[in-house]
Structure formats: C-alpha cells, structure tokens
Amino acid sequence: MAQVSLILLDDVEKLGLAGDEVHVAPGYARNYLIPQGLAAKATPGTLRLIESRRALIAERRAQALADAKAAAEKLAAVEISIAMQATDDDQLFGSVTARMVADELAKLGFKVEHSRITIEPAIKALGGYDIDVKLHAEVSTTVKVWVVRG
C-alpha cells in the first residue's frame, strides 16, 4: 500500500507532534490533513520552515500544557446536574451523552469538545457519576455528573 510522507504543522492526536515526519495513506493526507492545515508535503522548504518554527512550537506546546493543567484543576471541583426523564425504578428514557455533558460545562464557562469526554459505561440510570475529560494529551481529569429526575 502506498504511503505519503508529510510533515505535521500542528499536533495531531494519535499521529504525532508538530514537526514530526509521518507516513500516512494518500486519502487521509489529501482529504483531511492537508486541507485542515495540519500537515504539508515533506519537501526541503517545509523542513526549513519547521526548523525555523521549532522554538515557537515548543513555546506553544508548553503554554497549551499549562493552560490544560489550570483548566483541569478548575474542572476537578465542578459538579454538574443533568435533568432526564426516568421510569419509577430510576431507569432513564435514553442515556446521557458526551454532548449533553459538554453543553452543561459550556454553561459554566468551560469550553470542552464532546469528543474529549469519555462516558464508560453509558449512563442509563439516575445517580452520580464520574466522567473522564481529556483536556490535553498529557492532562485529564474527572467531572462529577449528577443525573436527576427532570
């Protein structure tokens, strides 16, 4: 299978960090990485550009890590409540989704993508749950979610 050689311009989860040379499928490169501005073809010019940006990339990475750690400390103390319809034996009609949790966190001023919220196993009953939130590749925290009768 053919592979395309690219230089990452930004960190891509499960692929690599900015400045890394990666080999990916042509469709992934053509349809996602290059149009999103996450990668460029590995040419001598691109390599020189990355070398000149190394210090800026390292500084941006350190700032992102510090911001994620600060947000994790604040999120660890947060408890949210989600109102759901439930049966008499406390079983929900449906389940609590990561998008619902992200929306409640947004109401409190925390900008978290729903794709970074992990709900395992699915919440299908009333009660209190600890939800994992991954803020950075190296930083994750838990948020207390109370599912109440709505």
C-alpha atoms as a PDB file:
ATOM      1  CA  MET A   1       0.000   0.000   0.000  1.00  0.00           C
ATOM      2  CA  ALA A   2       1.351   3.416  -0.971  1.00  0.00           C
ATOM      3  CA  GLN A   3       2.195   5.902   1.744  1.00  0.00           C
ATOM      4  CA  VAL A   4       2.609   9.668   1.563  1.00  0.00           C
ATOM      5  CA  SER A   5       5.364  11.406   3.505  1.00  0.00           C
ATOM      6  CA  LEU A   6       4.175  14.544   5.341  1.00  0.00           C
ATOM      7  CA  ILE A   7       5.490  16.998   7.910  1.00  0.00           C
ATOM      8  CA  LEU A   8       2.989  17.813  10.661  1.00  0.00           C
ATOM      9  CA  LEU A   9       2.406  21.544  11.109  1.00  0.00           C
ATOM     10  CA  ASP A  10       0.306  21.049  14.235  1.00  0.00           C
ATOM     11  CA  ASP A  11      -0.099  18.289  16.835  1.00  0.00           C
ATOM     12  CA  VAL A  12      -2.449  15.542  15.637  1.00  0.00           C
ATOM     13  CA  GLU A  13      -3.756  13.147  18.257  1.00  0.00           C
ATOM     14  CA  LYS A  14      -2.743   9.506  17.679  1.00  0.00           C
ATOM     15  CA  LEU A  15      -0.462  10.544  14.787  1.00  0.00           C
ATOM     16  CA  GLY A  16       2.320  12.818  16.010  1.00  0.00           C
ATOM     17  CA  LEU A  17       3.521  16.205  17.162  1.00  0.00           C
ATOM     18  CA  ALA A  18       4.221  19.315  15.118  1.00  0.00           C
ATOM     19  CA  GLY A  19       7.466  18.928  13.209  1.00  0.00           C
ATOM     20  CA  ASP A  20       7.316  15.140  13.019  1.00  0.00           C
ATOM     21  CA  GLU A  21       7.620  13.425   9.660  1.00  0.00           C
ATOM     22  CA  VAL A  22       4.819  10.878   9.260  1.00  0.00           C
ATOM     23  CA  HIS A  23       3.791   8.395   6.605  1.00  0.00           C
ATOM     24  CA  VAL A  24       0.042   8.161   6.034  1.00  0.00           C
ATOM     25  CA  ALA A  25      -2.418   6.885   3.462  1.00  0.00           C
ATOM     26  CA  PRO A  26      -2.834   9.213   0.468  1.00  0.00           C
ATOM     27  CA  GLY A  27      -6.566   9.691   1.089  1.00  0.00           C
ATOM     28  CA  TYR A  28      -6.018  10.708   4.722  1.00  0.00           C
ATOM     29  CA  ALA A  29      -3.422  13.253   3.610  1.00  0.00           C
ATOM     30  CA  ARG A  30      -5.421  14.580   0.659  1.00  0.00           C
ATOM     31  CA  ASN A  31      -8.841  14.708   2.324  1.00  0.00           C
ATOM     32  CA  TYR A  32      -8.052  15.664   5.921  1.00  0.00           C
ATOM     33  CA  LEU A  33      -4.513  16.589   6.959  1.00  0.00           C
ATOM     34  CA  ILE A  34      -3.552  18.953   4.132  1.00  0.00           C
ATOM     35  CA  PRO A  35      -6.936  20.794   3.757  1.00  0.00           C
ATOM     36  CA  GLN A  36      -7.155  21.324   7.530  1.00  0.00           C
ATOM     37  CA  GLY A  37      -3.664  22.838   7.557  1.00  0.00           C
ATOM     38  CA  LEU A  38      -2.389  20.138   9.899  1.00  0.00           C
ATOM     39  CA  ALA A  39       0.335  18.859   7.557  1.00  0.00           C
ATOM     40  CA  ALA A  40       2.301  19.686   4.406  1.00  0.00           C
ATOM     41  CA  LYS A  41       4.213  17.547   1.934  1.00  0.00           C
ATOM     42  CA  ALA A  42       7.713  16.737   3.112  1.00  0.00           C
ATOM     43  CA  THR A  43       9.884  18.996   0.959  1.00  0.00           C
ATOM     44  CA  PRO A  44      13.193  20.681   1.774  1.00  0.00           C
ATOM     45  CA  GLY A  45      11.361  24.019   2.024  1.00  0.00           C
ATOM     46  CA  THR A  46       8.860  22.623   4.521  1.00  0.00           C
ATOM     47  CA  LEU A  47      11.674  21.124   6.584  1.00  0.00           C
ATOM     48  CA  ARG A  48      13.431  24.531   6.732  1.00  0.00           C
ATOM     49  CA  LEU A  49      10.145  26.191   7.727  1.00  0.00           C
ATOM     50  CA  ILE A  50       9.621  23.718  10.580  1.00  0.00           C
ATOM     51  CA  GLU A  51      13.203  24.172  11.781  1.00  0.00           C
ATOM     52  CA  SER A  52      12.692  27.919  11.963  1.00  0.00           C
ATOM     53  CA  ARG A  53       9.458  27.430  13.941  1.00  0.00           C
ATOM     54  CA  ARG A  54      10.786  24.855  16.446  1.00  0.00           C
ATOM     55  CA  ALA A  55      11.116  27.373  19.306  1.00  0.00           C
ATOM     56  CA  LEU A  56       7.640  28.789  18.646  1.00  0.00           C
ATOM     57  CA  ILE A  57       6.159  25.283  18.505  1.00  0.00           C
ATOM     58  CA  ALA A  58       7.828  24.301  21.804  1.00  0.00           C
ATOM     59  CA  GLU A  59       6.608  27.507  23.456  1.00  0.00           C
ATOM     60  CA  ARG A  60       3.052  26.957  22.193  1.00  0.00           C
ATOM     61  CA  ARG A  61       3.125  23.343  23.438  1.00  0.00           C
ATOM     62  CA  ALA A  62       4.292  24.415  26.900  1.00  0.00           C
ATOM     63  CA  GLN A  63       1.577  27.097  27.068  1.00  0.00           C
ATOM     64  CA  ALA A  64      -1.113  24.613  25.996  1.00  0.00           C
ATOM     65  CA  LEU A  65       0.035  22.167  28.687  1.00  0.00           C
ATOM     66  CA  ALA A  66      -0.020  24.881  31.365  1.00  0.00           C
ATOM     67  CA  ASP A  67      -3.496  26.011  30.275  1.00  0.00           C
ATOM     68  CA  ALA A  68      -4.753  22.422  30.345  1.00  0.00           C
ATOM     69  CA  LYS A  69      -3.379  21.857  33.849  1.00  0.00           C
ATOM     70  CA  ALA A  70      -5.048  25.040  35.102  1.00  0.00           C
ATOM     71  CA  ALA A  71      -8.353  24.058  33.499  1.00  0.00           C
ATOM     72  CA  ALA A  72      -8.075  20.546  34.972  1.00  0.00           C
ATOM     73  CA  GLU A  73      -7.749  21.972  38.488  1.00  0.00           C
ATOM     74  CA  LYS A  74     -10.872  24.067  37.985  1.00  0.00           C
ATOM     75  CA  LEU A  75     -12.825  21.223  36.374  1.00  0.00           C
ATOM     76  CA  ALA A  76     -11.974  18.776  39.154  1.00  0.00           C
ATOM     77  CA  ALA A  77     -14.039  20.880  41.560  1.00  0.00           C
ATOM     78  CA  VAL A  78     -17.031  21.168  39.212  1.00  0.00           C
ATOM     79  CA  GLU A  79     -20.237  19.214  39.691  1.00  0.00           C
ATOM     80  CA  ILE A  80     -22.961  19.410  37.068  1.00  0.00           C
ATOM     81  CA  SER A  81     -26.549  18.276  37.125  1.00  0.00           C
ATOM     82  CA  ILE A  82     -28.408  16.895  34.110  1.00  0.00           C
ATOM     83  CA  ALA A  83     -32.190  16.515  34.297  1.00  0.00           C
ATOM     84  CA  MET A  84     -33.566  13.491  32.446  1.00  0.00           C
ATOM     85  CA  GLN A  85     -36.902  11.731  32.290  1.00  0.00           C
ATOM     86  CA  ALA A  86     -36.854   8.407  34.098  1.00  0.00           C
ATOM     87  CA  THR A  87     -39.109   5.496  34.993  1.00  0.00           C
ATOM     88  CA  ASP A  88     -40.315   4.758  38.516  1.00  0.00           C
ATOM     89  CA  ASP A  89     -37.341   2.418  39.040  1.00  0.00           C
ATOM     90  CA  ASP A  90     -34.852   5.225  38.111  1.00  0.00           C
ATOM     91  CA  GLN A  91     -34.030   3.955  34.596  1.00  0.00           C
ATOM     92  CA  LEU A  92     -33.610   6.731  32.039  1.00  0.00           C
ATOM     93  CA  PHE A  93     -35.543   7.081  28.821  1.00  0.00           C
ATOM     94  CA  GLY A  94     -32.393   7.226  26.686  1.00  0.00           C
ATOM     95  CA  SER A  95     -28.941   7.910  28.067  1.00  0.00           C
ATOM     96  CA  VAL A  96     -26.680  10.799  28.990  1.00  0.00           C
ATOM     97  CA  THR A  97     -24.341  11.660  26.117  1.00  0.00           C
ATOM     98  CA  ALA A  98     -20.965  13.363  25.979  1.00  0.00           C
ATOM     99  CA  ARG A  99     -22.590  16.232  24.078  1.00  0.00           C
ATOM    100  CA  MET A 100     -25.002  16.827  26.997  1.00  0.00           C
ATOM    101  CA  VAL A 101     -22.082  16.974  29.418  1.00  0.00           C
ATOM    102  CA  ALA A 102     -20.166  19.338  27.111  1.00  0.00           C
ATOM    103  CA  ASP A 103     -23.214  21.624  26.847  1.00  0.00           C
ATOM    104  CA  GLU A 104     -23.576  21.774  30.644  1.00  0.00           C
ATOM    105  CA  LEU A 105     -19.866  22.532  31.020  1.00  0.00           C
ATOM    106  CA  ALA A 106     -20.206  25.291  28.412  1.00  0.00           C
ATOM    107  CA  LYS A 107     -22.954  26.875  30.510  1.00  0.00           C
ATOM    108  CA  LEU A 108     -20.418  27.085  33.344  1.00  0.00           C
ATOM    109  CA  GLY A 109     -17.800  28.655  31.064  1.00  0.00           C
ATOM    110  CA  PHE A 110     -15.689  25.588  30.255  1.00  0.00           C
ATOM    111  CA  LYS A 111     -15.071  25.005  26.556  1.00  0.00           C
ATOM    112  CA  VAL A 112     -14.659  21.245  26.149  1.00  0.00           C
ATOM    113  CA  GLU A 113     -15.233  19.354  22.914  1.00  0.00           C
ATOM    114  CA  HIS A 114     -17.655  16.465  23.309  1.00  0.00           C
ATOM    115  CA  SER A 115     -15.159  14.151  21.605  1.00  0.00           C
ATOM    116  CA  ARG A 116     -12.816  14.626  24.581  1.00  0.00           C
ATOM    117  CA  ILE A 117     -15.402  13.386  27.080  1.00  0.00           C
ATOM    118  CA  THR A 118     -15.466   9.661  27.815  1.00  0.00           C
ATOM    119  CA  ILE A 119     -18.570   8.090  29.311  1.00  0.00           C
ATOM    120  CA  GLU A 120     -17.886   4.429  30.047  1.00  0.00           C
ATOM    121  CA  PRO A 121     -20.201   2.590  30.582  1.00  0.00           C
ATOM    122  CA  ALA A 122     -23.194   4.503  29.233  1.00  0.00           C
ATOM    123  CA  ILE A 123     -25.254   6.362  31.832  1.00  0.00           C
ATOM    124  CA  LYS A 124     -28.761   4.897  31.812  1.00  0.00           C
ATOM    125  CA  ALA A 125     -29.914   5.445  35.396  1.00  0.00           C
ATOM    126  CA  LEU A 126     -30.333   8.289  37.862  1.00  0.00           C
ATOM    127  CA  GLY A 127     -27.445   8.933  40.235  1.00  0.00           C
ATOM    128  CA  GLY A 128     -23.943  10.368  40.486  1.00  0.00           C
ATOM    129  CA  TYR A 129     -21.184   9.506  38.029  1.00  0.00           C
ATOM    130  CA  ASP A 130     -17.536  10.407  37.496  1.00  0.00           C
ATOM    131  CA  ILE A 131     -16.890  11.329  33.869  1.00  0.00           C
ATOM    132  CA  ASP A 132     -13.394  11.430  32.335  1.00  0.00           C
ATOM    133  CA  VAL A 133     -12.450  14.586  30.430  1.00  0.00           C
ATOM    134  CA  LYS A 134      -9.226  14.659  28.399  1.00  0.00           C
ATOM    135  CA  LEU A 135      -8.034  18.258  28.095  1.00  0.00           C
ATOM    136  CA  HIS A 136      -4.597  17.605  26.609  1.00  0.00           C
ATOM    137  CA  ALA A 137      -2.555  14.609  25.510  1.00  0.00           C
ATOM    138  CA  GLU A 138      -0.967  14.578  28.984  1.00  0.00           C
ATOM    139  CA  VAL A 139      -3.783  16.063  31.100  1.00  0.00           C
ATOM    140  CA  SER A 140      -7.109  14.539  32.001  1.00  0.00           C
ATOM    141  CA  THR A 141      -9.495  14.990  34.899  1.00  0.00           C
ATOM    142  CA  THR A 142     -12.848  13.789  36.169  1.00  0.00           C
ATOM    143  CA  VAL A 143     -16.068  15.732  36.488  1.00  0.00           C
ATOM    144  CA  LYS A 144     -18.865  14.737  38.845  1.00  0.00           C
ATOM    145  CA  VAL A 145     -22.176  14.450  36.969  1.00  0.00           C
ATOM    146  CA  TRP A 146     -25.472  14.106  38.800  1.00  0.00           C
ATOM    147  CA  VAL A 147     -28.327  12.700  36.742  1.00  0.00           C
ATOM    148  CA  VAL A 148     -31.596  13.827  38.311  1.00  0.00           C
ATOM    149  CA  ARG A 149     -35.248  13.327  37.517  1.00  0.00           C
ATOM    150  CA  GLY A 150     -36.449  16.028  35.120  1.00  0.00           C
END
